[in-house]
Amino acid sequence: LRSHLPKSPTNIKCEITVRRIQLFEDSYRQIMQLSPTLLRAKLWIEFENETGLDYGGVAREWFYLLSHDIFSPYYGLFEYSATDNYTLQINPHSETCNPEHLSYFHFIGRVIGIAIYHGKLLDAFFIRPFYKMMLGKPITLNDMESVDNEYFNSLIYIKDNNPEDLDLHFAVDEDVFGKMNSVELRDGGAEEKVTDANKDEYIDLIIKWRFVSRVEEQMKALMKGVHELIPPNLLSIFDPNELELLVCGLQKIDVKDWKDNTLYKGGYSPSHPVIQNFWKCLLAFNNEMRARLLQFVTGTSRVPMNGF
């Protein structure tokens, strides 16, 4: 990838100076003022009133701290994907929280692009469909499982059974800041019943509504920022798993922490031979293999910020 990226200027630096207490806004203001060409120059990050040379460590800290700010649900640009899931997704109601939200998503896209270009990592924890949307790949029913297992099981039930007795229509109820709104999945959907004949179309429209159509403008602004640093043809060589590792990297996985926070069901217990063999295998894995297993099970290769 790096050998095919647009070359960075060698005679200038991309200097960014931020205050720790205003890191988000300072970073936003400066990055949006700089040209993509200058953002490809050697990064030189400084924290105001702090001495020290940036040989990489300051830049890594800046990316780490900035990740925590821009992806925090507190700012209303991103939200947790489900009540029991701490992976992040774009907030479909971000405009209500911030009228300038599209400019901020453009900024976030630039930050992601800068990180990829300069080989830095973001401390983020996105749902898998987010990476699929970045790559323009279709999102399927299976992608729902790691995001919202309860919703996934409901859709599987509809898929495997005749849904006519459920009295469903081509509309969904959406909680918008405590107020329930009915949203039609297509024109006239509130009057159109879900039947055995059209249930697959209903499921497809639910998936599109859940992950794509509600955040289309935000994703377009974000990808504009990414593509200013990383051309689309270079980004497209990755699959969603590889893109996640490129953006977020591998996090050290603590097997003891994983083990201490595991709940057992279906007659299994810590003393069961299968469980004991599982932990023995996991201990023998290197960190990359553990990350791939975690990615297979949970949909992401990273451990939550505060551990399992």
C-alpha atoms as a PDB file:
ATOM      1  CA  LEU A   1       0.000   0.000   0.000  1.00  0.00           C
ATOM      2  CA  ARG A   2       2.567   2.559   1.104  1.00  0.00           C
ATOM      3  CA  SER A   3       4.636   2.161  -2.059  1.00  0.00           C
ATOM      4  CA  HIS A   4       1.611   3.140  -4.164  1.00  0.00           C
ATOM      5  CA  LEU A   5       0.409   6.091  -2.087  1.00  0.00           C
ATOM      6  CA  PRO A   6       0.882   9.646  -3.425  1.00  0.00           C
ATOM      7  CA  LYS A   7       4.335  10.828  -2.396  1.00  0.00           C
ATOM      8  CA  SER A   8       4.634  13.195   0.531  1.00  0.00           C
ATOM      9  CA  PRO A   9       6.534  16.495   0.306  1.00  0.00           C
ATOM     10  CA  THR A  10      10.055  16.080   1.693  1.00  0.00           C
ATOM     11  CA  ASN A  11      10.953  19.723   2.287  1.00  0.00           C
ATOM     12  CA  ILE A  12       8.088  20.694   4.611  1.00  0.00           C
ATOM     13  CA  LYS A  13       6.398  19.470   7.775  1.00  0.00           C
ATOM     14  CA  CYS A  14       2.740  19.202   8.685  1.00  0.00           C
ATOM     15  CA  GLU A  15       2.824  21.077  11.984  1.00  0.00           C
ATOM     16  CA  ILE A  16      -0.179  20.781  14.291  1.00  0.00           C
ATOM     17  CA  THR A  17      -0.226  22.415  17.730  1.00  0.00           C
ATOM     18  CA  VAL A  18      -3.116  21.678  20.060  1.00  0.00           C
ATOM     19  CA  ARG A  19      -4.200  22.401  23.602  1.00  0.00           C
ATOM     20  CA  ARG A  20      -4.998  19.291  25.603  1.00  0.00           C
ATOM     21  CA  ILE A  21      -8.178  20.828  26.992  1.00  0.00           C
ATOM     22  CA  GLN A  22      -9.340  21.800  23.466  1.00  0.00           C
ATOM     23  CA  LEU A  23      -7.796  18.926  21.547  1.00  0.00           C
ATOM     24  CA  PHE A  24     -10.886  18.103  19.464  1.00  0.00           C
ATOM     25  CA  GLU A  25     -11.646  21.660  18.311  1.00  0.00           C
ATOM     26  CA  ASP A  26      -7.994  22.644  17.818  1.00  0.00           C
ATOM     27  CA  SER A  27      -7.378  19.536  15.717  1.00  0.00           C
ATOM     28  CA  TYR A  28     -10.571  20.093  13.720  1.00  0.00           C
ATOM     29  CA  ARG A  29      -9.742  23.715  12.943  1.00  0.00           C
ATOM     30  CA  GLN A  30      -6.170  23.053  11.829  1.00  0.00           C
ATOM     31  CA  ILE A  31      -6.735  19.853   9.855  1.00  0.00           C
ATOM     32  CA  MET A  32      -9.626  21.370   7.912  1.00  0.00           C
ATOM     33  CA  GLN A  33      -7.471  24.385   7.008  1.00  0.00           C
ATOM     34  CA  LEU A  34      -4.617  22.294   5.596  1.00  0.00           C
ATOM     35  CA  SER A  35      -4.471  20.901   2.073  1.00  0.00           C
ATOM     36  CA  PRO A  36      -4.371  17.120   1.496  1.00  0.00           C
ATOM     37  CA  THR A  37      -0.860  17.559   0.085  1.00  0.00           C
ATOM     38  CA  LEU A  38       0.374  19.180   3.296  1.00  0.00           C
ATOM     39  CA  LEU A  39      -1.376  16.519   5.401  1.00  0.00           C
ATOM     40  CA  ARG A  40       0.849  13.962   3.641  1.00  0.00           C
ATOM     41  CA  ALA A  41       3.998  15.769   4.773  1.00  0.00           C
ATOM     42  CA  LYS A  42       5.940  14.618   7.830  1.00  0.00           C
ATOM     43  CA  LEU A  43       3.687  14.936  10.864  1.00  0.00           C
ATOM     44  CA  TRP A  44       4.934  17.221  13.605  1.00  0.00           C
ATOM     45  CA  ILE A  45       2.538  17.275  16.554  1.00  0.00           C
ATOM     46  CA  GLU A  46       2.982  19.517  19.592  1.00  0.00           C
ATOM     47  CA  PHE A  47       0.911  20.041  22.715  1.00  0.00           C
ATOM     48  CA  GLU A  48       0.813  23.715  23.650  1.00  0.00           C
ATOM     49  CA  ASN A  49       3.194  24.734  26.469  1.00  0.00           C
ATOM     50  CA  GLU A  50       4.860  21.322  26.474  1.00  0.00           C
ATOM     51  CA  THR A  51       8.435  20.798  25.409  1.00  0.00           C
ATOM     52  CA  GLY A  52       9.571  17.749  23.563  1.00  0.00           C
ATOM     53  CA  LEU A  53      10.477  16.553  20.107  1.00  0.00           C
ATOM     54  CA  ASP A  54       8.007  14.492  18.127  1.00  0.00           C
ATOM     55  CA  TYR A  55       9.873  11.376  17.027  1.00  0.00           C
ATOM     56  CA  GLY A  56       6.589   9.483  16.768  1.00  0.00           C
ATOM     57  CA  GLY A  57       5.521   9.209  20.392  1.00  0.00           C
ATOM     58  CA  VAL A  58       3.698  12.539  20.530  1.00  0.00           C
ATOM     59  CA  ALA A  59       1.878  11.783  17.279  1.00  0.00           C
ATOM     60  CA  ARG A  60       0.789   8.391  18.608  1.00  0.00           C
ATOM     61  CA  GLU A  61      -0.533  10.032  21.781  1.00  0.00           C
ATOM     62  CA  TRP A  62      -2.370  12.636  19.713  1.00  0.00           C
ATOM     63  CA  PHE A  63      -4.086   9.956  17.612  1.00  0.00           C
ATOM     64  CA  TYR A  64      -4.975   8.032  20.772  1.00  0.00           C
ATOM     65  CA  LEU A  65      -6.473  11.034  22.564  1.00  0.00           C
ATOM     66  CA  LEU A  66      -8.192  12.369  19.452  1.00  0.00           C
ATOM     67  CA  SER A  67      -9.760   8.938  18.845  1.00  0.00           C
ATOM     68  CA  HIS A  68     -11.324   9.039  22.288  1.00  0.00           C
ATOM     69  CA  ASP A  69     -12.782  12.482  21.596  1.00  0.00           C
ATOM     70  CA  ILE A  70     -14.121  12.221  18.061  1.00  0.00           C
ATOM     71  CA  PHE A  71     -15.617   8.754  18.477  1.00  0.00           C
ATOM     72  CA  SER A  72     -17.077   9.399  21.923  1.00  0.00           C
ATOM     73  CA  PRO A  73     -20.900   9.185  21.952  1.00  0.00           C
ATOM     74  CA  TYR A  74     -20.754  12.305  24.137  1.00  0.00           C
ATOM     75  CA  TYR A  75     -20.249  14.441  21.008  1.00  0.00           C
ATOM     76  CA  GLY A  76     -23.193  12.879  19.181  1.00  0.00           C
ATOM     77  CA  LEU A  77     -21.346  11.933  15.996  1.00  0.00           C
ATOM     78  CA  PHE A  78     -21.099   8.249  16.903  1.00  0.00           C
ATOM     79  CA  GLU A  79     -23.160   6.035  19.194  1.00  0.00           C
ATOM     80  CA  TYR A  80     -22.993   2.541  20.660  1.00  0.00           C
ATOM     81  CA  SER A  81     -24.569   0.039  18.295  1.00  0.00           C
ATOM     82  CA  ALA A  82     -26.785  -1.671  20.890  1.00  0.00           C
ATOM     83  CA  THR A  83     -27.549  -1.490  24.599  1.00  0.00           C
ATOM     84  CA  ASP A  84     -25.281  -4.452  25.337  1.00  0.00           C
ATOM     85  CA  ASN A  85     -22.678  -3.756  22.669  1.00  0.00           C
ATOM     86  CA  TYR A  86     -19.940  -1.145  22.948  1.00  0.00           C
ATOM     87  CA  THR A  87     -18.942  -1.151  19.304  1.00  0.00           C
ATOM     88  CA  LEU A  88     -19.431   2.195  17.585  1.00  0.00           C
ATOM     89  CA  GLN A  89     -21.558   3.209  14.643  1.00  0.00           C
ATOM     90  CA  ILE A  90     -22.406   6.542  13.044  1.00  0.00           C
ATOM     91  CA  ASN A  91     -25.224   8.300  14.870  1.00  0.00           C
ATOM     92  CA  PRO A  92     -28.088   8.614  12.348  1.00  0.00           C
ATOM     93  CA  HIS A  93     -29.329  11.659  14.280  1.00  0.00           C
ATOM     94  CA  SER A  94     -25.973  13.444  14.407  1.00  0.00           C
ATOM     95  CA  GLU A  95     -27.445  16.552  12.752  1.00  0.00           C
ATOM     96  CA  THR A  96     -29.723  17.066  15.754  1.00  0.00           C
ATOM     97  CA  CYS A  97     -26.677  17.019  18.042  1.00  0.00           C
ATOM     98  CA  ASN A  98     -24.481  19.133  15.772  1.00  0.00           C
ATOM     99  CA  PRO A  99     -25.839  21.163  12.812  1.00  0.00           C
ATOM    100  CA  GLU A 100     -22.296  21.197  11.344  1.00  0.00           C
ATOM    101  CA  HIS A 101     -22.061  17.404  11.562  1.00  0.00           C
ATOM    102  CA  LEU A 102     -21.129  16.821   7.907  1.00  0.00           C
ATOM    103  CA  SER A 103     -18.090  19.082   8.236  1.00  0.00           C
ATOM    104  CA  TYR A 104     -17.042  17.085  11.292  1.00  0.00           C
ATOM    105  CA  PHE A 105     -17.486  13.784   9.442  1.00  0.00           C
ATOM    106  CA  HIS A 106     -15.316  15.206   6.658  1.00  0.00           C
ATOM    107  CA  PHE A 107     -12.731  15.963   9.352  1.00  0.00           C
ATOM    108  CA  ILE A 108     -13.016  12.454  10.820  1.00  0.00           C
ATOM    109  CA  GLY A 109     -12.467  11.001   7.362  1.00  0.00           C
ATOM    110  CA  ARG A 110      -9.307  13.070   7.035  1.00  0.00           C
ATOM    111  CA  VAL A 111      -8.097  11.822  10.426  1.00  0.00           C
ATOM    112  CA  ILE A 112      -8.637   8.212   9.321  1.00  0.00           C
ATOM    113  CA  GLY A 113      -6.836   8.950   6.050  1.00  0.00           C
ATOM    114  CA  ILE A 114      -3.922  10.641   7.844  1.00  0.00           C
ATOM    115  CA  ALA A 115      -3.599   7.663  10.186  1.00  0.00           C
ATOM    116  CA  ILE A 116      -3.519   5.183   7.305  1.00  0.00           C
ATOM    117  CA  TYR A 117      -1.113   7.314   5.260  1.00  0.00           C
ATOM    118  CA  HIS A 118       1.367   7.797   8.102  1.00  0.00           C
ATOM    119  CA  GLY A 119       1.057   4.277   9.499  1.00  0.00           C
ATOM    120  CA  LYS A 120      -0.570   5.349  12.769  1.00  0.00           C
ATOM    121  CA  LEU A 121      -3.441   3.635  14.601  1.00  0.00           C
ATOM    122  CA  LEU A 122      -6.759   4.847  15.963  1.00  0.00           C
ATOM    123  CA  ASP A 123      -8.117   3.627  19.265  1.00  0.00           C
ATOM    124  CA  ALA A 124     -11.601   2.872  17.993  1.00  0.00           C
ATOM    125  CA  PHE A 125     -14.024  -0.003  18.035  1.00  0.00           C
ATOM    126  CA  PHE A 126     -16.367   0.069  15.021  1.00  0.00           C
ATOM    127  CA  ILE A 127     -19.054  -2.344  13.910  1.00  0.00           C
ATOM    128  CA  ARG A 128     -18.100  -4.535  10.938  1.00  0.00           C
ATOM    129  CA  PRO A 129     -20.657  -2.905   8.581  1.00  0.00           C
ATOM    130  CA  PHE A 130     -18.783   0.391   9.033  1.00  0.00           C
ATOM    131  CA  TYR A 131     -15.744  -1.085   7.278  1.00  0.00           C
ATOM    132  CA  LYS A 132     -17.950  -2.657   4.607  1.00  0.00           C
ATOM    133  CA  MET A 133     -19.487   0.752   3.915  1.00  0.00           C
ATOM    134  CA  MET A 134     -16.015   2.278   3.664  1.00  0.00           C
ATOM    135  CA  LEU A 135     -15.230  -0.279   0.962  1.00  0.00           C
ATOM    136  CA  GLY A 136     -18.607  -0.051  -0.763  1.00  0.00           C
ATOM    137  CA  LYS A 137     -19.351  -3.714  -0.093  1.00  0.00           C
ATOM    138  CA  PRO A 138     -22.890  -5.066   0.442  1.00  0.00           C
ATOM    139  CA  ILE A 139     -24.098  -5.578   4.006  1.00  0.00           C
ATOM    140  CA  THR A 140     -25.968  -8.809   4.695  1.00  0.00           C
ATOM    141  CA  LEU A 141     -28.174 -10.295   7.378  1.00  0.00           C
ATOM    142  CA  ASN A 142     -25.167 -12.104   8.866  1.00  0.00           C
ATOM    143  CA  ASP A 143     -23.549  -8.740   9.628  1.00  0.00           C
ATOM    144  CA  MET A 144     -26.367  -8.012  12.051  1.00  0.00           C
ATOM    145  CA  GLU A 145     -25.396 -10.892  14.353  1.00  0.00           C
ATOM    146  CA  SER A 146     -22.329  -9.262  15.890  1.00  0.00           C
ATOM    147  CA  VAL A 147     -24.025  -5.851  16.115  1.00  0.00           C
ATOM    148  CA  ASP A 148     -27.408  -6.654  17.650  1.00  0.00           C
ATOM    149  CA  ASN A 149     -27.901 -10.337  18.372  1.00  0.00           C
ATOM    150  CA  GLU A 150     -31.490  -9.932  19.559  1.00  0.00           C
ATOM    151  CA  TYR A 151     -32.511  -8.113  16.390  1.00  0.00           C
ATOM    152  CA  PHE A 152     -30.620 -10.699  14.326  1.00  0.00           C
ATOM    153  CA  ASN A 153     -32.527 -13.571  15.954  1.00  0.00           C
ATOM    154  CA  SER A 154     -35.827 -11.810  15.265  1.00  0.00           C
ATOM    155  CA  LEU A 155     -34.962 -11.475  11.579  1.00  0.00           C
ATOM    156  CA  ILE A 156     -33.823 -15.098  11.410  1.00  0.00           C
ATOM    157  CA  TYR A 157     -37.174 -16.157  12.868  1.00  0.00           C
ATOM    158  CA  ILE A 158     -38.968 -14.170  10.169  1.00  0.00           C
ATOM    159  CA  LYS A 159     -36.740 -15.691   7.498  1.00  0.00           C
ATOM    160  CA  ASP A 160     -37.354 -19.265   8.688  1.00  0.00           C
ATOM    161  CA  ASN A 161     -41.088 -18.965   9.362  1.00  0.00           C
ATOM    162  CA  ASN A 162     -44.255 -17.561   7.856  1.00  0.00           C
ATOM    163  CA  PRO A 163     -44.459 -14.035   9.360  1.00  0.00           C
ATOM    164  CA  GLU A 164     -48.073 -13.269   8.470  1.00  0.00           C
ATOM    165  CA  ASP A 165     -49.342 -13.906  12.016  1.00  0.00           C
ATOM    166  CA  LEU A 166     -46.854 -11.328  13.368  1.00  0.00           C
ATOM    167  CA  ASP A 167     -48.806  -8.504  11.710  1.00  0.00           C
ATOM    168  CA  LEU A 168     -45.650  -6.781  10.455  1.00  0.00           C
ATOM    169  CA  HIS A 169     -45.599  -3.985   7.889  1.00  0.00           C
ATOM    170  CA  PHE A 170     -42.879  -2.424   5.756  1.00  0.00           C
ATOM    171  CA  ALA A 171     -42.203   0.142   8.462  1.00  0.00           C
ATOM    172  CA  VAL A 172     -40.100   0.290  11.627  1.00  0.00           C
ATOM    173  CA  ASP A 173     -40.426   2.112  14.923  1.00  0.00           C
ATOM    174  CA  GLU A 174     -37.395   4.243  15.733  1.00  0.00           C
ATOM    175  CA  ASP A 175     -36.539   5.735  19.105  1.00  0.00           C
ATOM    176  CA  VAL A 176     -35.366   9.309  18.512  1.00  0.00           C
ATOM    177  CA  PHE A 177     -34.277  10.804  21.834  1.00  0.00           C
ATOM    178  CA  GLY A 178     -37.072   9.057  23.709  1.00  0.00           C
ATOM    179  CA  LYS A 179     -39.777   9.667  21.109  1.00  0.00           C
ATOM    180  CA  MET A 180     -40.976   6.770  18.950  1.00  0.00           C
ATOM    181  CA  ASN A 181     -41.279   7.550  15.241  1.00  0.00           C
ATOM    182  CA  SER A 182     -42.632   5.249  12.551  1.00  0.00           C
ATOM    183  CA  VAL A 183     -40.402   5.083   9.460  1.00  0.00           C
ATOM    184  CA  GLU A 184     -41.576   3.539   6.191  1.00  0.00           C
ATOM    185  CA  LEU A 185     -39.051   1.225   4.557  1.00  0.00           C
ATOM    186  CA  ARG A 186     -40.514   2.261   1.199  1.00  0.00           C
ATOM    187  CA  ASP A 187     -43.397   4.388  -0.061  1.00  0.00           C
ATOM    188  CA  GLY A 188     -46.653   3.089   1.343  1.00  0.00           C
ATOM    189  CA  GLY A 189     -44.814   0.661   3.604  1.00  0.00           C
ATOM    190  CA  ALA A 190     -46.972   1.411   6.630  1.00  0.00           C
ATOM    191  CA  GLU A 191     -49.932  -0.133   4.784  1.00  0.00           C
ATOM    192  CA  GLU A 192     -48.058  -3.062   3.212  1.00  0.00           C
ATOM    193  CA  LYS A 193     -48.061  -6.289   5.217  1.00  0.00           C
ATOM    194  CA  VAL A 194     -45.058  -8.606   5.417  1.00  0.00           C
ATOM    195  CA  THR A 195     -45.938 -11.998   3.947  1.00  0.00           C
ATOM    196  CA  ASP A 196     -44.127 -15.231   3.279  1.00  0.00           C
ATOM    197  CA  ALA A 197     -43.708 -14.089  -0.319  1.00  0.00           C
ATOM    198  CA  ASN A 198     -42.089 -10.715   0.416  1.00  0.00           C
ATOM    199  CA  LYS A 199     -40.302 -11.394   3.724  1.00  0.00           C
ATOM    200  CA  ASP A 200     -36.828 -11.580   2.108  1.00  0.00           C
ATOM    201  CA  GLU A 201     -37.348  -8.137   0.606  1.00  0.00           C
ATOM    202  CA  TYR A 202     -38.494  -6.876   4.009  1.00  0.00           C
ATOM    203  CA  ILE A 203     -35.326  -8.222   5.669  1.00  0.00           C
ATOM    204  CA  ASP A 204     -33.128  -6.645   2.971  1.00  0.00           C
ATOM    205  CA  LEU A 205     -34.824  -3.273   3.489  1.00  0.00           C
ATOM    206  CA  ILE A 206     -34.439  -3.565   7.265  1.00  0.00           C
ATOM    207  CA  ILE A 207     -30.686  -4.183   6.848  1.00  0.00           C
ATOM    208  CA  LYS A 208     -30.363  -1.269   4.423  1.00  0.00           C
ATOM    209  CA  TRP A 209     -32.279   1.031   6.785  1.00  0.00           C
ATOM    210  CA  ARG A 210     -30.369  -0.131   9.872  1.00  0.00           C
ATOM    211  CA  PHE A 211     -26.883   0.341   8.439  1.00  0.00           C
ATOM    212  CA  VAL A 212     -26.905   2.370   5.218  1.00  0.00           C
ATOM    213  CA  SER A 213     -29.740   4.758   4.368  1.00  0.00           C
ATOM    214  CA  ARG A 214     -29.909   6.493   7.770  1.00  0.00           C
ATOM    215  CA  VAL A 215     -26.236   7.499   7.651  1.00  0.00           C
ATOM    216  CA  GLU A 216     -25.709   7.927   3.916  1.00  0.00           C
ATOM    217  CA  GLU A 217     -24.838  11.637   4.079  1.00  0.00           C
ATOM    218  CA  GLN A 218     -22.496  11.188   7.038  1.00  0.00           C
ATOM    219  CA  MET A 219     -20.681   8.298   5.356  1.00  0.00           C
ATOM    220  CA  LYS A 220     -20.318  10.251   2.119  1.00  0.00           C
ATOM    221  CA  ALA A 221     -18.708  13.166   3.989  1.00  0.00           C
ATOM    222  CA  LEU A 222     -16.418  10.815   5.927  1.00  0.00           C
ATOM    223  CA  MET A 223     -15.256   9.001   2.791  1.00  0.00           C
ATOM    224  CA  LYS A 224     -14.595  12.324   1.065  1.00  0.00           C
ATOM    225  CA  GLY A 225     -12.037  12.993   3.790  1.00  0.00           C
ATOM    226  CA  VAL A 226     -10.515   9.512   3.595  1.00  0.00           C
ATOM    227  CA  HIS A 227     -10.164   9.653  -0.202  1.00  0.00           C
ATOM    228  CA  GLU A 228      -8.361  13.000  -0.020  1.00  0.00           C
ATOM    229  CA  LEU A 229      -5.481  11.070   1.553  1.00  0.00           C
ATOM    230  CA  ILE A 230      -5.999   7.498   0.313  1.00  0.00           C
ATOM    231  CA  PRO A 231      -7.214   6.996  -3.291  1.00  0.00           C
ATOM    232  CA  PRO A 232     -10.280   4.714  -3.589  1.00  0.00           C
ATOM    233  CA  ASN A 233      -8.473   2.236  -5.851  1.00  0.00           C
ATOM    234  CA  LEU A 234      -5.840   1.621  -3.152  1.00  0.00           C
ATOM    235  CA  LEU A 235      -8.382   1.292  -0.357  1.00  0.00           C
ATOM    236  CA  SER A 236     -10.367  -1.245  -2.373  1.00  0.00           C
ATOM    237  CA  ILE A 237      -7.573  -3.840  -2.268  1.00  0.00           C
ATOM    238  CA  PHE A 238      -8.474  -4.600   1.363  1.00  0.00           C
ATOM    239  CA  ASP A 239     -11.313  -6.682   2.751  1.00  0.00           C
ATOM    240  CA  PRO A 240     -13.196  -5.455   5.860  1.00  0.00           C
ATOM    241  CA  ASN A 241     -11.035  -7.527   8.235  1.00  0.00           C
ATOM    242  CA  GLU A 242      -7.814  -6.179   6.738  1.00  0.00           C
ATOM    243  CA  LEU A 243      -9.114  -2.615   6.771  1.00  0.00           C
ATOM    244  CA  GLU A 244      -9.956  -2.887  10.464  1.00  0.00           C
ATOM    245  CA  LEU A 245      -6.421  -4.060  11.218  1.00  0.00           C
ATOM    246  CA  LEU A 246      -5.008  -1.271   9.036  1.00  0.00           C
ATOM    247  CA  VAL A 247      -6.979   1.424  10.860  1.00  0.00           C
ATOM    248  CA  CYS A 248      -6.928   0.061  14.417  1.00  0.00           C
ATOM    249  CA  GLY A 249      -4.138  -2.503  14.483  1.00  0.00           C
ATOM    250  CA  LEU A 250      -3.857  -5.416  16.870  1.00  0.00           C
ATOM    251  CA  GLN A 251      -4.444  -4.898  20.532  1.00  0.00           C
ATOM    252  CA  LYS A 252      -2.676  -7.039  23.096  1.00  0.00           C
ATOM    253  CA  ILE A 253      -5.220  -9.616  24.204  1.00  0.00           C
ATOM    254  CA  ASP A 254      -5.071 -10.670  27.844  1.00  0.00           C
ATOM    255  CA  VAL A 255      -6.209 -14.308  27.995  1.00  0.00           C
ATOM    256  CA  LYS A 256      -6.615 -14.183  31.793  1.00  0.00           C
ATOM    257  CA  ASP A 257      -8.914 -11.164  31.504  1.00  0.00           C
ATOM    258  CA  TRP A 258     -10.872 -12.940  28.761  1.00  0.00           C
ATOM    259  CA  LYS A 259     -11.143 -16.079  30.892  1.00  0.00           C
ATOM    260  CA  ASP A 260     -12.137 -14.188  34.062  1.00  0.00           C
ATOM    261  CA  ASN A 261     -14.997 -12.464  32.258  1.00  0.00           C
ATOM    262  CA  THR A 262     -16.437 -15.440  30.372  1.00  0.00           C
ATOM    263  CA  LEU A 263     -19.907 -16.766  31.174  1.00  0.00           C
ATOM    264  CA  TYR A 264     -20.709 -20.412  30.425  1.00  0.00           C
ATOM    265  CA  LYS A 265     -24.014 -21.763  29.144  1.00  0.00           C
ATOM    266  CA  GLY A 266     -25.455 -25.002  27.813  1.00  0.00           C
ATOM    267  CA  GLY A 267     -24.079 -27.219  30.551  1.00  0.00           C
ATOM    268  CA  TYR A 268     -20.490 -25.996  30.201  1.00  0.00           C
ATOM    269  CA  SER A 269     -18.359 -24.844  33.137  1.00  0.00           C
ATOM    270  CA  PRO A 270     -14.719 -23.860  33.717  1.00  0.00           C
ATOM    271  CA  SER A 271     -13.926 -27.467  34.665  1.00  0.00           C
ATOM    272  CA  HIS A 272     -15.429 -29.000  31.526  1.00  0.00           C
ATOM    273  CA  PRO A 273     -12.724 -30.725  29.396  1.00  0.00           C
ATOM    274  CA  VAL A 274     -13.791 -28.852  26.250  1.00  0.00           C
ATOM    275  CA  ILE A 275     -13.495 -25.503  28.036  1.00  0.00           C
ATOM    276  CA  GLN A 276     -10.117 -26.388  29.543  1.00  0.00           C
ATOM    277  CA  ASN A 277      -8.820 -27.417  26.113  1.00  0.00           C
ATOM    278  CA  PHE A 278     -10.155 -24.186  24.628  1.00  0.00           C
ATOM    279  CA  TRP A 279      -8.158 -22.055  27.075  1.00  0.00           C
ATOM    280  CA  LYS A 280      -5.039 -24.183  26.545  1.00  0.00           C
ATOM    281  CA  CYS A 281      -5.302 -23.587  22.806  1.00  0.00           C
ATOM    282  CA  LEU A 282      -5.854 -19.872  23.317  1.00  0.00           C
ATOM    283  CA  LEU A 283      -2.775 -19.609  25.531  1.00  0.00           C
ATOM    284  CA  ALA A 284      -0.742 -21.308  22.806  1.00  0.00           C
ATOM    285  CA  PHE A 285      -1.953 -18.832  20.160  1.00  0.00           C
ATOM    286  CA  ASN A 286       0.097 -15.767  19.315  1.00  0.00           C
ATOM    287  CA  ASN A 287      -1.627 -12.384  19.559  1.00  0.00           C
ATOM    288  CA  GLU A 288      -2.615 -12.304  15.893  1.00  0.00           C
ATOM    289  CA  MET A 289      -4.318 -15.711  16.124  1.00  0.00           C
ATOM    290  CA  ARG A 290      -6.142 -14.605  19.290  1.00  0.00           C
ATOM    291  CA  ALA A 291      -7.270 -11.449  17.508  1.00  0.00           C
ATOM    292  CA  ARG A 292      -8.580 -13.447  14.557  1.00  0.00           C
ATOM    293  CA  LEU A 293     -10.517 -15.745  16.889  1.00  0.00           C
ATOM    294  CA  LEU A 294     -11.936 -12.747  18.740  1.00  0.00           C
ATOM    295  CA  GLN A 295     -12.867 -11.178  15.399  1.00  0.00           C
ATOM    296  CA  PHE A 296     -14.621 -14.392  14.333  1.00  0.00           C
ATOM    297  CA  VAL A 297     -16.600 -14.573  17.577  1.00  0.00           C
ATOM    298  CA  THR A 298     -17.433 -10.919  18.221  1.00  0.00           C
ATOM    299  CA  GLY A 299     -17.029  -9.186  14.872  1.00  0.00           C
ATOM    300  CA  THR A 300     -13.973  -7.173  15.893  1.00  0.00           C
ATOM    301  CA  SER A 301     -10.357  -7.980  16.655  1.00  0.00           C
ATOM    302  CA  ARG A 302     -10.029  -5.414  19.431  1.00  0.00           C
ATOM    303  CA  VAL A 303     -10.767  -5.683  23.123  1.00  0.00           C
ATOM    304  CA  PRO A 304     -12.994  -2.955  24.658  1.00  0.00           C
ATOM    305  CA  MET A 305     -11.159   0.008  26.144  1.00  0.00           C
ATOM    306  CA  ASN A 306     -11.508  -1.209  29.729  1.00  0.00           C
ATOM    307  CA  GLY A 307     -10.982  -4.901  29.018  1.00  0.00           C
ATOM    308  CA  PHE A 308     -13.441  -7.726  28.621  1.00  0.00           C
END
